[in-house]
Amino acid sequence: PAVAAATAGDTLLVRSGSYSAPTITRGLIVRGTANARVTTGRVAVRNLPAGEHCSIIDLVMDVGVDLEFCAGSVVLDSCRITGPGRNLTAGQVTYALCTLLVFDCRHV
């Protein structure tokens, strides 16, 4: 809910606990505190507009991360990213992708 309510340029402080993964579509700073972790769903930064910056700092993400179609810049700093890879099916072929997926992003 905090990501949905935030506007570009806001800083979100993630306190200790377990959270569902957000999809971030605008320039935010997301900073974790001790023992803050995302445990459900994949964290995603998608369609970040040119000129906007998204930083994710000091956060444990047990679910993987997707960075897709970002014209703006994305920074992952002091994060731990684990979890299953993402599967992509094209026709009858399924591709197992990695825990961190970066696709069509200009500045990561």
N, C-alpha and C. Protein backbone atom coordinates (compact mmCIF):
# COMPACT_ATOMS: atom_id res chain seq x y z
N PRO A 1 0.81 -1.22 0.00
CA PRO A 1 0.00 0.00 0.00
C PRO A 1 0.85 1.29 0.00
N ALA A 2 2.01 1.25 0.67
CA ALA A 2 2.86 2.44 0.72
C ALA A 2 3.40 2.78 -0.67
N VAL A 3 3.78 1.77 -1.44
CA VAL A 3 4.29 2.01 -2.79
C VAL A 3 3.19 2.62 -3.65
N ALA A 4 1.97 2.13 -3.54
CA ALA A 4 0.86 2.65 -4.32
C ALA A 4 0.54 4.11 -3.97
N ALA A 5 0.73 4.47 -2.71
CA ALA A 5 0.41 5.83 -2.26
C ALA A 5 1.54 6.82 -2.49
N ALA A 6 2.76 6.34 -2.71
CA ALA A 6 3.93 7.21 -2.84
C ALA A 6 3.95 7.93 -4.18
N THR A 7 4.55 9.11 -4.18
CA THR A 7 4.76 9.85 -5.42
C THR A 7 6.25 9.85 -5.73
N ALA A 8 6.59 10.13 -6.97
CA ALA A 8 7.99 10.13 -7.40
C ALA A 8 8.82 11.02 -6.48
N GLY A 9 9.97 10.49 -6.05
CA GLY A 9 10.86 11.22 -5.17
C GLY A 9 10.70 10.88 -3.70
N ASP A 10 9.63 10.17 -3.34
CA ASP A 10 9.41 9.79 -1.94
C ASP A 10 10.41 8.73 -1.49
N THR A 11 10.66 8.69 -0.18
CA THR A 11 11.47 7.65 0.44
C THR A 11 10.57 6.81 1.32
N LEU A 12 10.64 5.49 1.13
CA LEU A 12 9.86 4.56 1.95
C LEU A 12 10.83 3.80 2.84
N LEU A 13 10.56 3.79 4.13
CA LEU A 13 11.37 3.07 5.09
C LEU A 13 10.66 1.76 5.42
N VAL A 14 11.33 0.64 5.14
CA VAL A 14 10.76 -0.68 5.37
C VAL A 14 11.29 -1.20 6.69
N ARG A 15 10.43 -1.32 7.66
CA ARG A 15 10.83 -1.78 8.99
C ARG A 15 10.91 -3.30 9.03
N SER A 16 11.46 -3.80 10.11
CA SER A 16 11.61 -5.24 10.31
C SER A 16 10.27 -5.94 10.12
N GLY A 17 10.29 -7.04 9.37
CA GLY A 17 9.08 -7.80 9.12
C GLY A 17 9.14 -8.44 7.75
N SER A 18 8.08 -9.12 7.38
CA SER A 18 7.99 -9.78 6.09
C SER A 18 6.88 -9.11 5.29
N TYR A 19 7.15 -8.87 4.01
CA TYR A 19 6.22 -8.12 3.18
C TYR A 19 5.99 -8.82 1.86
N SER A 20 4.86 -8.52 1.23
CA SER A 20 4.60 -8.95 -0.14
C SER A 20 5.33 -7.99 -1.08
N ALA A 21 5.77 -8.53 -2.21
CA ALA A 21 6.56 -7.73 -3.14
C ALA A 21 5.73 -6.70 -3.88
N PRO A 22 6.25 -5.49 -4.00
CA PRO A 22 5.56 -4.46 -4.77
C PRO A 22 6.05 -4.42 -6.22
N THR A 23 5.28 -3.75 -7.06
CA THR A 23 5.75 -3.35 -8.38
C THR A 23 5.91 -1.84 -8.34
N ILE A 24 7.12 -1.39 -8.59
CA ILE A 24 7.45 0.04 -8.53
C ILE A 24 7.49 0.57 -9.96
N THR A 25 6.77 1.66 -10.21
CA THR A 25 6.69 2.23 -11.55
C THR A 25 7.10 3.70 -11.60
N ARG A 26 7.65 4.19 -10.52
CA ARG A 26 8.10 5.60 -10.48
C ARG A 26 9.32 5.70 -9.59
N GLY A 27 9.99 6.83 -9.64
CA GLY A 27 11.23 7.02 -8.90
C GLY A 27 11.00 7.10 -7.41
N LEU A 28 11.42 6.07 -6.69
CA LEU A 28 11.30 6.03 -5.23
C LEU A 28 12.63 5.58 -4.63
N ILE A 29 12.82 5.88 -3.36
CA ILE A 29 13.90 5.29 -2.58
C ILE A 29 13.23 4.36 -1.58
N VAL A 30 13.59 3.08 -1.63
CA VAL A 30 13.05 2.09 -0.71
C VAL A 30 14.22 1.60 0.13
N ARG A 31 14.18 1.92 1.42
CA ARG A 31 15.30 1.60 2.32
C ARG A 31 14.82 0.67 3.42
N GLY A 32 15.49 -0.49 3.52
CA GLY A 32 15.16 -1.45 4.56
C GLY A 32 15.91 -1.16 5.85
N THR A 33 15.32 -1.54 6.98
CA THR A 33 16.00 -1.49 8.26
C THR A 33 16.42 -2.91 8.61
N ALA A 34 17.03 -3.10 9.76
CA ALA A 34 17.50 -4.43 10.17
C ALA A 34 16.37 -5.46 10.08
N ASN A 35 16.66 -6.57 9.45
CA ASN A 35 15.75 -7.72 9.33
C ASN A 35 14.52 -7.47 8.47
N ALA A 36 14.51 -6.43 7.64
CA ALA A 36 13.38 -6.22 6.73
C ALA A 36 13.58 -7.12 5.53
N ARG A 37 12.53 -7.87 5.17
CA ARG A 37 12.66 -8.78 4.04
C ARG A 37 11.34 -8.91 3.30
N VAL A 38 11.46 -9.11 2.00
CA VAL A 38 10.30 -9.36 1.15
C VAL A 38 10.25 -10.86 0.93
N THR A 39 9.11 -11.48 1.25
CA THR A 39 9.03 -12.94 1.24
C THR A 39 7.96 -13.51 0.30
N THR A 40 7.12 -12.67 -0.28
CA THR A 40 6.04 -13.16 -1.12
C THR A 40 6.01 -12.38 -2.43
N GLY A 41 5.99 -13.07 -3.55
CA GLY A 41 5.99 -12.42 -4.87
C GLY A 41 7.37 -11.92 -5.23
N ARG A 42 7.57 -11.50 -6.47
CA ARG A 42 8.86 -10.96 -6.91
C ARG A 42 8.81 -9.44 -6.87
N VAL A 43 9.87 -8.82 -6.36
CA VAL A 43 9.99 -7.37 -6.40
C VAL A 43 10.19 -6.99 -7.86
N ALA A 44 9.47 -5.97 -8.32
CA ALA A 44 9.59 -5.54 -9.71
C ALA A 44 9.71 -4.03 -9.80
N VAL A 45 10.62 -3.58 -10.66
CA VAL A 45 10.67 -2.18 -11.07
C VAL A 45 10.40 -2.23 -12.57
N ARG A 46 9.27 -1.65 -12.97
CA ARG A 46 8.84 -1.73 -14.37
C ARG A 46 8.45 -0.35 -14.91
N ASN A 47 8.80 -0.12 -16.15
CA ASN A 47 8.36 1.08 -16.87
C ASN A 47 8.75 2.37 -16.15
N LEU A 48 9.92 2.39 -15.53
CA LEU A 48 10.40 3.59 -14.85
C LEU A 48 10.70 4.65 -15.90
N PRO A 49 10.06 5.81 -15.83
CA PRO A 49 10.25 6.83 -16.87
C PRO A 49 11.67 7.41 -16.90
N ALA A 50 12.07 7.88 -18.06
CA ALA A 50 13.36 8.57 -18.20
C ALA A 50 13.40 9.75 -17.24
N GLY A 51 14.54 9.98 -16.64
CA GLY A 51 14.70 11.09 -15.71
C GLY A 51 14.33 10.75 -14.27
N GLU A 52 13.73 9.59 -14.04
CA GLU A 52 13.41 9.18 -12.67
C GLU A 52 14.41 8.14 -12.20
N HIS A 53 14.60 8.07 -10.89
CA HIS A 53 15.59 7.18 -10.29
C HIS A 53 14.93 6.37 -9.18
N CYS A 54 15.15 5.07 -9.19
CA CYS A 54 14.63 4.19 -8.15
C CYS A 54 15.82 3.52 -7.46
N SER A 55 15.88 3.65 -6.15
CA SER A 55 16.93 3.01 -5.37
C SER A 55 16.30 2.07 -4.35
N ILE A 56 16.82 0.85 -4.28
CA ILE A 56 16.42 -0.11 -3.26
C ILE A 56 17.67 -0.40 -2.45
N ILE A 57 17.60 -0.12 -1.15
CA ILE A 57 18.80 -0.12 -0.30
C ILE A 57 18.56 -0.97 0.94
N ASP A 58 19.55 -1.81 1.28
CA ASP A 58 19.54 -2.59 2.54
C ASP A 58 18.27 -3.41 2.72
N LEU A 59 17.89 -4.16 1.71
CA LEU A 59 16.68 -4.97 1.80
C LEU A 59 17.00 -6.41 1.39
N VAL A 60 16.44 -7.35 2.13
CA VAL A 60 16.56 -8.77 1.77
C VAL A 60 15.33 -9.14 0.96
N MET A 61 15.56 -9.67 -0.23
CA MET A 61 14.46 -10.05 -1.10
C MET A 61 14.59 -11.54 -1.38
N ASP A 62 13.77 -12.33 -0.69
CA ASP A 62 13.82 -13.79 -0.79
C ASP A 62 13.02 -14.31 -1.98
N VAL A 63 12.66 -13.46 -2.89
CA VAL A 63 11.72 -13.82 -3.94
C VAL A 63 12.20 -13.49 -5.34
N GLY A 64 13.38 -12.94 -5.45
CA GLY A 64 13.90 -12.52 -6.75
C GLY A 64 13.46 -11.11 -7.09
N VAL A 65 14.08 -10.57 -8.15
CA VAL A 65 13.83 -9.19 -8.56
C VAL A 65 13.74 -9.14 -10.08
N ASP A 66 12.77 -8.40 -10.59
CA ASP A 66 12.63 -8.15 -12.02
C ASP A 66 12.78 -6.66 -12.28
N LEU A 67 13.70 -6.30 -13.16
CA LEU A 67 13.85 -4.93 -13.62
C LEU A 67 13.56 -4.93 -15.11
N GLU A 68 12.46 -4.29 -15.51
CA GLU A 68 12.02 -4.40 -16.89
C GLU A 68 11.55 -3.06 -17.46
N PHE A 69 12.00 -2.77 -18.68
CA PHE A 69 11.54 -1.64 -19.47
C PHE A 69 11.72 -0.31 -18.74
N CYS A 70 12.89 -0.10 -18.14
CA CYS A 70 13.16 1.12 -17.37
C CYS A 70 14.04 2.07 -18.18
N ALA A 71 13.51 3.23 -18.50
CA ALA A 71 14.29 4.26 -19.16
C ALA A 71 15.06 5.08 -18.12
N GLY A 72 14.55 5.14 -16.90
CA GLY A 72 15.24 5.81 -15.79
C GLY A 72 16.29 4.88 -15.20
N SER A 73 16.94 5.32 -14.13
CA SER A 73 18.01 4.52 -13.53
C SER A 73 17.52 3.77 -12.29
N VAL A 74 18.07 2.56 -12.11
CA VAL A 74 17.73 1.70 -10.98
C VAL A 74 19.02 1.36 -10.25
N VAL A 75 19.00 1.52 -8.92
CA VAL A 75 20.16 1.19 -8.09
C VAL A 75 19.73 0.17 -7.05
N LEU A 76 20.46 -0.94 -6.97
CA LEU A 76 20.30 -1.91 -5.89
C LEU A 76 21.57 -1.82 -5.07
N ASP A 77 21.46 -1.41 -3.80
CA ASP A 77 22.63 -1.18 -2.97
C ASP A 77 22.49 -1.94 -1.65
N SER A 78 23.48 -2.77 -1.36
CA SER A 78 23.52 -3.53 -0.10
C SER A 78 22.28 -4.39 0.09
N CYS A 79 21.83 -5.01 -0.98
CA CYS A 79 20.66 -5.90 -0.95
C CYS A 79 21.11 -7.35 -1.03
N ARG A 80 20.30 -8.24 -0.50
CA ARG A 80 20.51 -9.67 -0.70
C ARG A 80 19.32 -10.19 -1.48
N ILE A 81 19.62 -10.79 -2.63
CA ILE A 81 18.56 -11.28 -3.51
C ILE A 81 18.72 -12.79 -3.63
N THR A 82 17.70 -13.53 -3.20
CA THR A 82 17.72 -14.98 -3.28
C THR A 82 16.37 -15.42 -3.84
N GLY A 83 16.18 -16.70 -3.87
CA GLY A 83 14.88 -17.21 -4.27
C GLY A 83 14.93 -17.89 -5.61
N PRO A 84 13.81 -18.42 -6.02
CA PRO A 84 13.76 -19.16 -7.28
C PRO A 84 13.89 -18.22 -8.47
N GLY A 85 14.37 -18.78 -9.56
CA GLY A 85 14.40 -18.03 -10.80
C GLY A 85 13.00 -17.89 -11.36
N ARG A 86 12.88 -17.09 -12.36
CA ARG A 86 11.59 -16.86 -13.02
C ARG A 86 11.55 -17.71 -14.30
N ASN A 87 10.45 -18.33 -14.57
CA ASN A 87 10.28 -19.12 -15.79
C ASN A 87 9.54 -18.30 -16.83
N LEU A 88 9.98 -18.43 -18.06
CA LEU A 88 9.35 -17.75 -19.18
C LEU A 88 9.03 -18.79 -20.25
N THR A 89 7.78 -18.85 -20.67
CA THR A 89 7.38 -19.81 -21.69
C THR A 89 7.11 -19.08 -22.99
N ALA A 90 7.74 -19.56 -24.07
CA ALA A 90 7.54 -19.02 -25.41
C ALA A 90 7.19 -20.20 -26.31
N GLY A 91 5.93 -20.26 -26.73
CA GLY A 91 5.49 -21.42 -27.50
C GLY A 91 5.48 -22.65 -26.61
N GLN A 92 6.21 -23.67 -27.02
CA GLN A 92 6.27 -24.90 -26.22
C GLN A 92 7.57 -25.03 -25.45
N VAL A 93 8.36 -23.96 -25.42
CA VAL A 93 9.64 -24.01 -24.72
C VAL A 93 9.56 -23.14 -23.47
N THR A 94 10.03 -23.69 -22.34
CA THR A 94 10.08 -22.93 -21.09
C THR A 94 11.54 -22.67 -20.75
N TYR A 95 11.84 -21.41 -20.50
CA TYR A 95 13.19 -21.00 -20.14
C TYR A 95 13.24 -20.70 -18.65
N ALA A 96 14.22 -21.25 -17.96
CA ALA A 96 14.43 -20.94 -16.55
C ALA A 96 15.39 -19.76 -16.48
N LEU A 97 14.92 -18.66 -15.96
CA LEU A 97 15.73 -17.45 -15.86
C LEU A 97 16.29 -17.32 -14.44
N CYS A 98 17.09 -16.35 -14.23
CA CYS A 98 17.80 -16.21 -12.95
C CYS A 98 16.97 -15.47 -11.90
N THR A 99 17.53 -15.40 -10.71
CA THR A 99 16.89 -14.74 -9.59
C THR A 99 16.75 -13.24 -9.82
N LEU A 100 17.73 -12.64 -10.49
CA LEU A 100 17.67 -11.22 -10.84
C LEU A 100 17.54 -11.13 -12.36
N LEU A 101 16.42 -10.61 -12.83
CA LEU A 101 16.17 -10.46 -14.26
C LEU A 101 16.26 -8.97 -14.61
N VAL A 102 17.12 -8.63 -15.55
CA VAL A 102 17.22 -7.26 -16.05
C VAL A 102 16.92 -7.32 -17.54
N PHE A 103 15.85 -6.64 -17.96
CA PHE A 103 15.45 -6.68 -19.37
C PHE A 103 15.08 -5.29 -19.84
N ASP A 104 15.74 -4.83 -20.88
CA ASP A 104 15.47 -3.56 -21.53
C ASP A 104 15.48 -2.38 -20.54
N CYS A 105 16.57 -2.30 -19.79
CA CYS A 105 16.78 -1.20 -18.85
C CYS A 105 18.05 -0.46 -19.26
N ARG A 106 18.02 0.85 -19.22
CA ARG A 106 19.16 1.63 -19.69
C ARG A 106 20.25 1.82 -18.66
N HIS A 107 19.89 1.97 -17.39
CA HIS A 107 20.89 2.28 -16.36
C HIS A 107 20.58 1.49 -15.08
N VAL A 108 21.34 0.43 -14.84
CA VAL A 108 21.16 -0.37 -13.62
C VAL A 108 22.48 -0.38 -12.88
